Amino acid sequence: AKDRPDIKVGKVNVDEQPELASQFGVM
């Protein structure tokens, strides 16, 4: 995230965002 300003880095806490985890099929 610091080295590559051309990339956006996002963090998804699966405990707090189970809907997003499910949407991406995170197993």
mmCIF file of all heavy atoms, coordinates in Angstrom:
data_MODEL
# 
_entry.id   MODEL 
# 
loop_
_atom_site.group_PDB 
_atom_site.id 
_atom_site.type_symbol 
_atom_site.label_atom_id 
_atom_site.label_alt_id 
_atom_site.label_comp_id 
_atom_site.label_asym_id 
_atom_site.label_entity_id 
_atom_site.label_seq_id 
_atom_site.pdbx_PDB_ins_code 
_atom_site.Cartn_x 
_atom_site.Cartn_y 
_atom_site.Cartn_z 
_atom_site.occupancy 
_atom_site.B_iso_or_equiv 
_atom_site.pdbx_formal_charge 
_atom_site.auth_seq_id 
_atom_site.auth_comp_id 
_atom_site.auth_asym_id 
_atom_site.auth_atom_id 
_atom_site.pdbx_PDB_model_num 
ATOM 1   N N   . ALA A 1 1  ? 0.834   -1.208  0.000   1.00 0.00 ? 1  ALA A N   1 
ATOM 2   C CA  . ALA A 1 1  ? 0.000   0.000   0.000   1.00 0.00 ? 1  ALA A CA  1 
ATOM 3   C C   . ALA A 1 1  ? 0.866   1.254   0.000   1.00 0.00 ? 1  ALA A C   1 
ATOM 4   O O   . ALA A 1 1  ? 0.544   2.243   -0.666  1.00 0.00 ? 1  ALA A O   1 
ATOM 5   C CB  . ALA A 1 1  ? -0.935  -0.002  1.209   1.00 0.00 ? 1  ALA A CB  1 
ATOM 6   N N   . LYS A 1 2  ? 1.978   1.224   0.735   1.00 0.00 ? 2  LYS A N   1 
ATOM 7   C CA  . LYS A 1 2  ? 2.877   2.393   0.793   1.00 0.00 ? 2  LYS A CA  1 
ATOM 8   C C   . LYS A 1 2  ? 3.721   2.527   -0.473  1.00 0.00 ? 2  LYS A C   1 
ATOM 9   O O   . LYS A 1 2  ? 3.964   3.623   -0.950  1.00 0.00 ? 2  LYS A O   1 
ATOM 10  C CB  . LYS A 1 2  ? 3.790   2.283   2.017   1.00 0.00 ? 2  LYS A CB  1 
ATOM 11  C CG  . LYS A 1 2  ? 3.056   2.465   3.316   1.00 0.00 ? 2  LYS A CG  1 
ATOM 12  C CD  . LYS A 1 2  ? 4.005   2.414   4.503   1.00 0.00 ? 2  LYS A CD  1 
ATOM 13  C CE  . LYS A 1 2  ? 3.230   2.649   5.766   1.00 0.00 ? 2  LYS A CE  1 
ATOM 14  N NZ  . LYS A 1 2  ? 3.207   1.517   6.664   1.00 0.00 ? 2  LYS A NZ  1 
ATOM 15  N N   . ASP A 1 3  ? 4.186   1.379   -1.004  1.00 0.00 ? 3  ASP A N   1 
ATOM 16  C CA  . ASP A 1 3  ? 5.112   1.389   -2.133  1.00 0.00 ? 3  ASP A CA  1 
ATOM 17  C C   . ASP A 1 3  ? 4.447   1.584   -3.493  1.00 0.00 ? 3  ASP A C   1 
ATOM 18  O O   . ASP A 1 3  ? 5.104   1.986   -4.444  1.00 0.00 ? 3  ASP A O   1 
ATOM 19  C CB  . ASP A 1 3  ? 5.903   0.072   -2.194  1.00 0.00 ? 3  ASP A CB  1 
ATOM 20  C CG  . ASP A 1 3  ? 6.849   -0.108  -1.019  1.00 0.00 ? 3  ASP A CG  1 
ATOM 21  O OD1 . ASP A 1 3  ? 7.099   0.866   -0.295  1.00 0.00 ? 3  ASP A OD1 1 
ATOM 22  O OD2 . ASP A 1 3  ? 7.324   -1.249  -0.831  1.00 0.00 ? 3  ASP A OD2 1 
ATOM 23  N N   . ARG A 1 4  ? 3.162   1.262   -3.588  1.00 0.00 ? 4  ARG A N   1 
ATOM 24  C CA  . ARG A 1 4  ? 2.487   1.267   -4.889  1.00 0.00 ? 4  ARG A CA  1 
ATOM 25  C C   . ARG A 1 4  ? 1.282   2.210   -4.888  1.00 0.00 ? 4  ARG A C   1 
ATOM 26  O O   . ARG A 1 4  ? 0.146   1.770   -4.711  1.00 0.00 ? 4  ARG A O   1 
ATOM 27  C CB  . ARG A 1 4  ? 2.023   -0.151  -5.245  1.00 0.00 ? 4  ARG A CB  1 
ATOM 28  C CG  . ARG A 1 4  ? 3.111   -1.194  -5.450  1.00 0.00 ? 4  ARG A CG  1 
ATOM 29  C CD  . ARG A 1 4  ? 3.798   -1.065  -6.793  1.00 0.00 ? 4  ARG A CD  1 
ATOM 30  N NE  . ARG A 1 4  ? 2.894   -1.077  -7.929  1.00 0.00 ? 4  ARG A NE  1 
ATOM 31  C CZ  . ARG A 1 4  ? 2.584   -2.160  -8.629  1.00 0.00 ? 4  ARG A CZ  1 
ATOM 32  N NH1 . ARG A 1 4  ? 3.105   -3.328  -8.337  1.00 0.00 ? 4  ARG A NH1 1 
ATOM 33  N NH2 . ARG A 1 4  ? 1.749   -2.068  -9.654  1.00 0.00 ? 4  ARG A NH2 1 
ATOM 34  N N   . PRO A 1 5  ? 1.519   3.507   -5.125  1.00 0.00 ? 5  PRO A N   1 
ATOM 35  C CA  . PRO A 1 5  ? 0.389   4.437   -5.157  1.00 0.00 ? 5  PRO A CA  1 
ATOM 36  C C   . PRO A 1 5  ? -0.567  4.189   -6.322  1.00 0.00 ? 5  PRO A C   1 
ATOM 37  O O   . PRO A 1 5  ? -1.682  4.700   -6.327  1.00 0.00 ? 5  PRO A O   1 
ATOM 38  C CB  . PRO A 1 5  ? 1.063   5.808   -5.279  1.00 0.00 ? 5  PRO A CB  1 
ATOM 39  C CG  . PRO A 1 5  ? 2.423   5.534   -5.814  1.00 0.00 ? 5  PRO A CG  1 
ATOM 40  C CD  . PRO A 1 5  ? 2.801   4.154   -5.358  1.00 0.00 ? 5  PRO A CD  1 
ATOM 41  N N   . ASP A 1 6  ? -0.143  3.372   -7.285  1.00 0.00 ? 6  ASP A N   1 
ATOM 42  C CA  . ASP A 1 6  ? -1.011  3.049   -8.425  1.00 0.00 ? 6  ASP A CA  1 
ATOM 43  C C   . ASP A 1 6  ? -2.032  1.962   -8.076  1.00 0.00 ? 6  ASP A C   1 
ATOM 44  O O   . ASP A 1 6  ? -2.922  1.679   -8.867  1.00 0.00 ? 6  ASP A O   1 
ATOM 45  C CB  . ASP A 1 6  ? -0.164  2.592   -9.619  1.00 0.00 ? 6  ASP A CB  1 
ATOM 46  C CG  . ASP A 1 6  ? 0.695   1.374   -9.307  1.00 0.00 ? 6  ASP A CG  1 
ATOM 47  O OD1 . ASP A 1 6  ? 1.309   1.331   -8.214  1.00 0.00 ? 6  ASP A OD1 1 
ATOM 48  O OD2 . ASP A 1 6  ? 0.764   0.457   -10.143 1.00 0.00 ? 6  ASP A OD2 1 
ATOM 49  N N   . ILE A 1 7  ? -1.904  1.380   -6.898  1.00 0.00 ? 7  ILE A N   1 
ATOM 50  C CA  . ILE A 1 7  ? -2.806  0.308   -6.442  1.00 0.00 ? 7  ILE A CA  1 
ATOM 51  C C   . ILE A 1 7  ? -3.515  0.776   -5.178  1.00 0.00 ? 7  ILE A C   1 
ATOM 52  O O   . ILE A 1 7  ? -2.897  1.317   -4.269  1.00 0.00 ? 7  ILE A O   1 
ATOM 53  C CB  . ILE A 1 7  ? -2.014  -0.978  -6.091  1.00 0.00 ? 7  ILE A CB  1 
ATOM 54  C CG1 . ILE A 1 7  ? -1.177  -1.455  -7.264  1.00 0.00 ? 7  ILE A CG1 1 
ATOM 55  C CG2 . ILE A 1 7  ? -2.927  -2.071  -5.554  1.00 0.00 ? 7  ILE A CG2 1 
ATOM 56  C CD1 . ILE A 1 7  ? -1.949  -2.004  -8.417  1.00 0.00 ? 7  ILE A CD1 1 
ATOM 57  N N   . LYS A 1 8  ? -4.821  0.556   -5.115  1.00 0.00 ? 8  LYS A N   1 
ATOM 58  C CA  . LYS A 1 8  ? -5.560  0.801   -3.873  1.00 0.00 ? 8  LYS A CA  1 
ATOM 59  C C   . LYS A 1 8  ? -5.593  -0.512  -3.106  1.00 0.00 ? 8  LYS A C   1 
ATOM 60  O O   . LYS A 1 8  ? -5.918  -1.550  -3.678  1.00 0.00 ? 8  LYS A O   1 
ATOM 61  C CB  . LYS A 1 8  ? -6.978  1.275   -4.140  1.00 0.00 ? 8  LYS A CB  1 
ATOM 62  C CG  . LYS A 1 8  ? -7.756  1.548   -2.852  1.00 0.00 ? 8  LYS A CG  1 
ATOM 63  C CD  . LYS A 1 8  ? -9.162  2.005   -3.128  1.00 0.00 ? 8  LYS A CD  1 
ATOM 64  C CE  . LYS A 1 8  ? -9.140  3.456   -3.560  1.00 0.00 ? 8  LYS A CE  1 
ATOM 65  N NZ  . LYS A 1 8  ? -10.494 4.028   -3.657  1.00 0.00 ? 8  LYS A NZ  1 
ATOM 66  N N   . VAL A 1 9  ? -5.232  -0.475  -1.841  1.00 0.00 ? 9  VAL A N   1 
ATOM 67  C CA  . VAL A 1 9  ? -5.246  -1.672  -1.007  1.00 0.00 ? 9  VAL A CA  1 
ATOM 68  C C   . VAL A 1 9  ? -6.368  -1.540  0.011   1.00 0.00 ? 9  VAL A C   1 
ATOM 69  O O   . VAL A 1 9  ? -6.451  -0.554  0.735   1.00 0.00 ? 9  VAL A O   1 
ATOM 70  C CB  . VAL A 1 9  ? -3.882  -1.877  -0.301  1.00 0.00 ? 9  VAL A CB  1 
ATOM 71  C CG1 . VAL A 1 9  ? -3.941  -3.083  0.632   1.00 0.00 ? 9  VAL A CG1 1 
ATOM 72  C CG2 . VAL A 1 9  ? -2.768  -2.043  -1.331  1.00 0.00 ? 9  VAL A CG2 1 
ATOM 73  N N   . GLY A 1 10 ? -7.234  -2.545  0.027   1.00 0.00 ? 10 GLY A N   1 
ATOM 74  C CA  . GLY A 1 10 ? -8.348  -2.562  0.961   1.00 0.00 ? 10 GLY A CA  1 
ATOM 75  C C   . GLY A 1 10 ? -8.296  -3.792  1.838   1.00 0.00 ? 10 GLY A C   1 
ATOM 76  O O   . GLY A 1 10 ? -7.915  -4.873  1.384   1.00 0.00 ? 10 GLY A O   1 
ATOM 77  N N   . LYS A 1 11 ? -8.667  -3.631  3.106   1.00 0.00 ? 11 LYS A N   1 
ATOM 78  C CA  . LYS A 1 11 ? -8.691  -4.736  4.054   1.00 0.00 ? 11 LYS A CA  1 
ATOM 79  C C   . LYS A 1 11 ? -10.131 -4.981  4.474   1.00 0.00 ? 11 LYS A C   1 
ATOM 80  O O   . LYS A 1 11 ? -10.830 -4.047  4.832   1.00 0.00 ? 11 LYS A O   1 
ATOM 81  C CB  . LYS A 1 11 ? -7.832  -4.406  5.263   1.00 0.00 ? 11 LYS A CB  1 
ATOM 82  C CG  . LYS A 1 11 ? -6.371  -4.173  4.876   1.00 0.00 ? 11 LYS A CG  1 
ATOM 83  C CD  . LYS A 1 11 ? -5.506  -3.794  6.019   1.00 0.00 ? 11 LYS A CD  1 
ATOM 84  C CE  . LYS A 1 11 ? -5.498  -4.750  7.165   1.00 0.00 ? 11 LYS A CE  1 
ATOM 85  N NZ  . LYS A 1 11 ? -5.215  -6.138  6.870   1.00 0.00 ? 11 LYS A NZ  1 
ATOM 86  N N   . VAL A 1 12 ? -10.555 -6.242  4.401   1.00 0.00 ? 12 VAL A N   1 
ATOM 87  C CA  . VAL A 1 12 ? -11.915 -6.616  4.764   1.00 0.00 ? 12 VAL A CA  1 
ATOM 88  C C   . VAL A 1 12 ? -11.839 -7.603  5.930   1.00 0.00 ? 12 VAL A C   1 
ATOM 89  O O   . VAL A 1 12 ? -11.369 -8.731  5.769   1.00 0.00 ? 12 VAL A O   1 
ATOM 90  C CB  . VAL A 1 12 ? -12.663 -7.265  3.581   1.00 0.00 ? 12 VAL A CB  1 
ATOM 91  C CG1 . VAL A 1 12 ? -14.084 -7.613  3.993   1.00 0.00 ? 12 VAL A CG1 1 
ATOM 92  C CG2 . VAL A 1 12 ? -12.650 -6.361  2.352   1.00 0.00 ? 12 VAL A CG2 1 
ATOM 93  N N   . ASN A 1 13 ? -12.271 -7.164  7.107   1.00 0.00 ? 13 ASN A N   1 
ATOM 94  C CA  . ASN A 1 13 ? -12.321 -8.025  8.277   1.00 0.00 ? 13 ASN A CA  1 
ATOM 95  C C   . ASN A 1 13 ? -13.551 -8.926  8.123   1.00 0.00 ? 13 ASN A C   1 
ATOM 96  O O   . ASN A 1 13 ? -14.682 -8.451  8.176   1.00 0.00 ? 13 ASN A O   1 
ATOM 97  C CB  . ASN A 1 13 ? -12.406 -7.175  9.547   1.00 0.00 ? 13 ASN A CB  1 
ATOM 98  C CG  . ASN A 1 13 ? -12.401 -8.001  10.810  1.00 0.00 ? 13 ASN A CG  1 
ATOM 99  O OD1 . ASN A 1 13 ? -12.895 -9.118  10.856  1.00 0.00 ? 13 ASN A OD1 1 
ATOM 100 N ND2 . ASN A 1 13 ? -11.848 -7.426  11.858  1.00 0.00 ? 13 ASN A ND2 1 
ATOM 101 N N   . VAL A 1 14 ? -13.326 -10.224 7.919   1.00 0.00 ? 14 VAL A N   1 
ATOM 102 C CA  . VAL A 1 14 ? -14.433 -11.136 7.628   1.00 0.00 ? 14 VAL A CA  1 
ATOM 103 C C   . VAL A 1 14 ? -15.374 -11.314 8.820   1.00 0.00 ? 14 VAL A C   1 
ATOM 104 O O   . VAL A 1 14 ? -16.546 -11.654 8.632   1.00 0.00 ? 14 VAL A O   1 
ATOM 105 C CB  . VAL A 1 14 ? -13.942 -12.515 7.127   1.00 0.00 ? 14 VAL A CB  1 
ATOM 106 C CG1 . VAL A 1 14 ? -13.202 -12.357 5.809   1.00 0.00 ? 14 VAL A CG1 1 
ATOM 107 C CG2 . VAL A 1 14 ? -13.086 -13.216 8.154   1.00 0.00 ? 14 VAL A CG2 1 
ATOM 108 N N   . ASP A 1 15 ? -14.885 -11.091 10.041  1.00 0.00 ? 15 ASP A N   1 
ATOM 109 C CA  . ASP A 1 15 ? -15.753 -11.185 11.218  1.00 0.00 ? 15 ASP A CA  1 
ATOM 110 C C   . ASP A 1 15 ? -16.745 -10.027 11.254  1.00 0.00 ? 15 ASP A C   1 
ATOM 111 O O   . ASP A 1 15 ? -17.876 -10.190 11.692  1.00 0.00 ? 15 ASP A O   1 
ATOM 112 C CB  . ASP A 1 15 ? -14.934 -11.174 12.513  1.00 0.00 ? 15 ASP A CB  1 
ATOM 113 C CG  . ASP A 1 15 ? -14.162 -12.471 12.714  1.00 0.00 ? 15 ASP A CG  1 
ATOM 114 O OD1 . ASP A 1 15 ? -14.531 -13.491 12.098  1.00 0.00 ? 15 ASP A OD1 1 
ATOM 115 O OD2 . ASP A 1 15 ? -13.188 -12.455 13.488  1.00 0.00 ? 15 ASP A OD2 1 
ATOM 116 N N   . GLU A 1 16 ? -16.305 -8.853  10.792  1.00 0.00 ? 16 GLU A N   1 
ATOM 117 C CA  . GLU A 1 16 ? -17.154 -7.664  10.814  1.00 0.00 ? 16 GLU A CA  1 
ATOM 118 C C   . GLU A 1 16 ? -17.951 -7.494  9.524   1.00 0.00 ? 16 GLU A C   1 
ATOM 119 O O   . GLU A 1 16 ? -18.949 -6.777  9.508   1.00 0.00 ? 16 GLU A O   1 
ATOM 120 C CB  . GLU A 1 16 ? -16.288 -6.416  11.040  1.00 0.00 ? 16 GLU A CB  1 
ATOM 121 C CG  . GLU A 1 16 ? -15.610 -6.403  12.402  1.00 0.00 ? 16 GLU A CG  1 
ATOM 122 C CD  . GLU A 1 16 ? -14.632 -5.247  12.552  1.00 0.00 ? 16 GLU A CD  1 
ATOM 123 O OE1 . GLU A 1 16 ? -14.420 -4.482  11.577  1.00 0.00 ? 16 GLU A OE1 1 
ATOM 124 O OE2 . GLU A 1 16 ? -14.072 -5.119  13.656  1.00 0.00 ? 16 GLU A OE2 1 
ATOM 125 N N   . GLN A 1 17 ? -17.504 -8.133  8.439   1.00 0.00 ? 17 GLN A N   1 
ATOM 126 C CA  . GLN A 1 17 ? -18.141 -7.969  7.130   1.00 0.00 ? 17 GLN A CA  1 
ATOM 127 C C   . GLN A 1 17 ? -18.448 -9.324  6.494   1.00 0.00 ? 17 GLN A C   1 
ATOM 128 O O   . GLN A 1 17 ? -17.968 -9.644  5.396   1.00 0.00 ? 17 GLN A O   1 
ATOM 129 C CB  . GLN A 1 17 ? -17.227 -7.144  6.203   1.00 0.00 ? 17 GLN A CB  1 
ATOM 130 C CG  . GLN A 1 17 ? -16.867 -5.780  6.708   1.00 0.00 ? 17 GLN A CG  1 
ATOM 131 C CD  . GLN A 1 17 ? -18.079 -4.903  6.926   1.00 0.00 ? 17 GLN A CD  1 
ATOM 132 O OE1 . GLN A 1 17 ? -19.014 -4.894  6.128   1.00 0.00 ? 17 GLN A OE1 1 
ATOM 133 N NE2 . GLN A 1 17 ? -18.090 -4.173  8.023   1.00 0.00 ? 17 GLN A NE2 1 
ATOM 134 N N   . PRO A 1 18 ? -19.262 -10.152 7.159   1.00 0.00 ? 18 PRO A N   1 
ATOM 135 C CA  . PRO A 1 18 ? -19.539 -11.487 6.599   1.00 0.00 ? 18 PRO A CA  1 
ATOM 136 C C   . PRO A 1 18 ? -20.251 -11.427 5.249   1.00 0.00 ? 18 PRO A C   1 
ATOM 137 O O   . PRO A 1 18 ? -20.092 -12.336 4.426   1.00 0.00 ? 18 PRO A O   1 
ATOM 138 C CB  . PRO A 1 18 ? -20.395 -12.162 7.668   1.00 0.00 ? 18 PRO A CB  1 
ATOM 139 C CG  . PRO A 1 18 ? -20.997 -11.039 8.457   1.00 0.00 ? 18 PRO A CG  1 
ATOM 140 C CD  . PRO A 1 18 ? -19.985 -9.923  8.414   1.00 0.00 ? 18 PRO A CD  1 
ATOM 141 N N   . GLU A 1 19 ? -21.028 -10.363 4.998   1.00 0.00 ? 19 GLU A N   1 
ATOM 142 C CA  . GLU A 1 19 ? -21.724 -10.258 3.713   1.00 0.00 ? 19 GLU A CA  1 
ATOM 143 C C   . GLU A 1 19 ? -20.733 -10.120 2.567   1.00 0.00 ? 19 GLU A C   1 
ATOM 144 O O   . GLU A 1 19 ? -20.898 -10.734 1.512   1.00 0.00 ? 19 GLU A O   1 
ATOM 145 C CB  . GLU A 1 19 ? -22.681 -9.055  3.695   1.00 0.00 ? 19 GLU A CB  1 
ATOM 146 C CG  . GLU A 1 19 ? -23.679 -9.016  4.821   1.00 0.00 ? 19 GLU A CG  1 
ATOM 147 C CD  . GLU A 1 19 ? -23.120 -8.329  6.082   1.00 0.00 ? 19 GLU A CD  1 
ATOM 148 O OE1 . GLU A 1 19 ? -22.052 -7.686  6.021   1.00 0.00 ? 19 GLU A OE1 1 
ATOM 149 O OE2 . GLU A 1 19 ? -23.760 -8.463  7.123   1.00 0.00 ? 19 GLU A OE2 1 
ATOM 150 N N   . LEU A 1 20 ? -19.695 -9.284  2.761   1.00 0.00 ? 20 LEU A N   1 
ATOM 151 C CA  . LEU A 1 20 ? -18.689 -9.113  1.712   1.00 0.00 ? 20 LEU A CA  1 
ATOM 152 C C   . LEU A 1 20 ? -17.906 -10.402 1.506   1.00 0.00 ? 20 LEU A C   1 
ATOM 153 O O   . LEU A 1 20 ? -17.617 -10.781 0.368   1.00 0.00 ? 20 LEU A O   1 
ATOM 154 C CB  . LEU A 1 20 ? -17.742 -7.956  2.052   1.00 0.00 ? 20 LEU A CB  1 
ATOM 155 C CG  . LEU A 1 20 ? -18.292 -6.552  1.845   1.00 0.00 ? 20 LEU A CG  1 
ATOM 156 C CD1 . LEU A 1 20 ? -17.290 -5.502  2.296   1.00 0.00 ? 20 LEU A CD1 1 
ATOM 157 C CD2 . LEU A 1 20 ? -18.673 -6.323  0.396   1.00 0.00 ? 20 LEU A CD2 1 
ATOM 158 N N   . ALA A 1 21 ? -17.556 -11.061 2.597   1.00 0.00 ? 21 ALA A N   1 
ATOM 159 C CA  . ALA A 1 21 ? -16.826 -12.329 2.479   1.00 0.00 ? 21 ALA A CA  1 
ATOM 160 C C   . ALA A 1 21 ? -17.661 -13.336 1.691   1.00 0.00 ? 21 ALA A C   1 
ATOM 161 O O   . ALA A 1 21 ? -17.147 -14.028 0.800   1.00 0.00 ? 21 ALA A O   1 
ATOM 162 C CB  . ALA A 1 21 ? -16.478 -12.858 3.868   1.00 0.00 ? 21 ALA A CB  1 
ATOM 163 N N   . SER A 1 22 ? -18.940 -13.391 1.963   1.00 0.00 ? 22 SER A N   1 
ATOM 164 C CA  . SER A 1 22 ? -19.840 -14.311 1.269   1.00 0.00 ? 22 SER A CA  1 
ATOM 165 C C   . SER A 1 22 ? -19.968 -13.930 -0.202  1.00 0.00 ? 22 SER A C   1 
ATOM 166 O O   . SER A 1 22 ? -19.961 -14.790 -1.087  1.00 0.00 ? 22 SER A O   1 
ATOM 167 C CB  . SER A 1 22 ? -21.207 -14.293 1.942   1.00 0.00 ? 22 SER A CB  1 
ATOM 168 O OG  . SER A 1 22 ? -22.103 -15.101 1.241   1.00 0.00 ? 22 SER A OG  1 
ATOM 169 N N   . GLN A 1 23 ? -20.057 -12.640 -0.467  1.00 0.00 ? 23 GLN A N   1 
ATOM 170 C CA  . GLN A 1 23 ? -20.183 -12.143 -1.836  1.00 0.00 ? 23 GLN A CA  1 
ATOM 171 C C   . GLN A 1 23 ? -18.996 -12.582 -2.696  1.00 0.00 ? 23 GLN A C   1 
ATOM 172 O O   . GLN A 1 23 ? -19.150 -12.851 -3.881  1.00 0.00 ? 23 GLN A O   1 
ATOM 173 C CB  . GLN A 1 23 ? -20.270 -10.612 -1.792  1.00 0.00 ? 23 GLN A CB  1 
ATOM 174 C CG  . GLN A 1 23 ? -20.457 -9.937  -3.111  1.00 0.00 ? 23 GLN A CG  1 
ATOM 175 C CD  . GLN A 1 23 ? -20.575 -8.424  -2.939  1.00 0.00 ? 23 GLN A CD  1 
ATOM 176 O OE1 . GLN A 1 23 ? -21.053 -7.913  -1.937  1.00 0.00 ? 23 GLN A OE1 1 
ATOM 177 N NE2 . GLN A 1 23 ? -20.106 -7.703  -3.933  1.00 0.00 ? 23 GLN A NE2 1 
ATOM 178 N N   . PHE A 1 24 ? -17.807 -12.670 -2.084  1.00 0.00 ? 24 PHE A N   1 
ATOM 179 C CA  . PHE A 1 24 ? -16.601 -13.063 -2.812  1.00 0.00 ? 24 PHE A CA  1 
ATOM 180 C C   . PHE A 1 24 ? -16.303 -14.558 -2.679  1.00 0.00 ? 24 PHE A C   1 
ATOM 181 O O   . PHE A 1 24 ? -15.270 -15.018 -3.152  1.00 0.00 ? 24 PHE A O   1 
ATOM 182 C CB  . PHE A 1 24 ? -15.401 -12.240 -2.332  1.00 0.00 ? 24 PHE A CB  1 
ATOM 183 C CG  . PHE A 1 24 ? -15.362 -10.873 -2.932  1.00 0.00 ? 24 PHE A CG  1 
ATOM 184 C CD1 . PHE A 1 24 ? -16.068 -9.831  -2.365  1.00 0.00 ? 24 PHE A CD1 1 
ATOM 185 C CD2 . PHE A 1 24 ? -14.634 -10.623 -4.085  1.00 0.00 ? 24 PHE A CD2 1 
ATOM 186 C CE1 . PHE A 1 24 ? -16.055 -8.562  -2.923  1.00 0.00 ? 24 PHE A CE1 1 
ATOM 187 C CE2 . PHE A 1 24 ? -14.609 -9.362  -4.653  1.00 0.00 ? 24 PHE A CE2 1 
ATOM 188 C CZ  . PHE A 1 24 ? -15.327 -8.331  -4.077  1.00 0.00 ? 24 PHE A CZ  1 
ATOM 189 N N   . GLY A 1 25 ? -17.182 -15.286 -2.001  1.00 0.00 ? 25 GLY A N   1 
ATOM 190 C CA  . GLY A 1 25 ? -16.985 -16.721 -1.863  1.00 0.00 ? 25 GLY A CA  1 
ATOM 191 C C   . GLY A 1 25 ? -15.784 -17.086 -1.019  1.00 0.00 ? 25 GLY A C   1 
ATOM 192 O O   . GLY A 1 25 ? -15.159 -18.120 -1.245  1.00 0.00 ? 25 GLY A O   1 
ATOM 193 N N   . VAL A 1 26 ? -15.444 -16.247 -0.055  1.00 0.00 ? 26 VAL A N   1 
ATOM 194 C CA  . VAL A 1 26 ? -14.278 -16.488 0.790   1.00 0.00 ? 26 VAL A CA  1 
ATOM 195 C C   . VAL A 1 26 ? -14.574 -17.664 1.717   1.00 0.00 ? 26 VAL A C   1 
ATOM 196 O O   . VAL A 1 26 ? -15.477 -17.604 2.542   1.00 0.00 ? 26 VAL A O   1 
ATOM 197 C CB  . VAL A 1 26 ? -13.905 -15.223 1.602   1.00 0.00 ? 26 VAL A CB  1 
ATOM 198 C CG1 . VAL A 1 26 ? -12.809 -15.522 2.597   1.00 0.00 ? 26 VAL A CG1 1 
ATOM 199 C CG2 . VAL A 1 26 ? -13.499 -14.102 0.660   1.00 0.00 ? 26 VAL A CG2 1 
ATOM 200 N N   . MET A 1 27 ? -13.805 -18.738 1.553   1.00 0.00 ? 27 MET A N   1 
ATOM 201 C CA  . MET A 1 27 ? -13.981 -19.942 2.362   1.00 0.00 ? 27 MET A CA  1 
ATOM 202 C C   . MET A 1 27 ? -12.865 -20.096 3.389   1.00 0.00 ? 27 MET A C   1 
ATOM 203 O O   . MET A 1 27 ? -13.032 -20.783 4.385   1.00 0.00 ? 27 MET A O   1 
ATOM 204 C CB  . MET A 1 27 ? -14.017 -21.174 1.468   1.00 0.00 ? 27 MET A CB  1 
ATOM 205 C CG  . MET A 1 27 ? -15.123 -21.123 0.433   1.00 0.00 ? 27 MET A CG  1 
ATOM 206 S SD  . MET A 1 27 ? -16.735 -21.005 1.167   1.00 0.00 ? 27 MET A SD  1 
ATOM 207 C CE  . MET A 1 27 ? -17.162 -22.718 1.246   1.00 0.00 ? 27 MET A CE  1 
# 
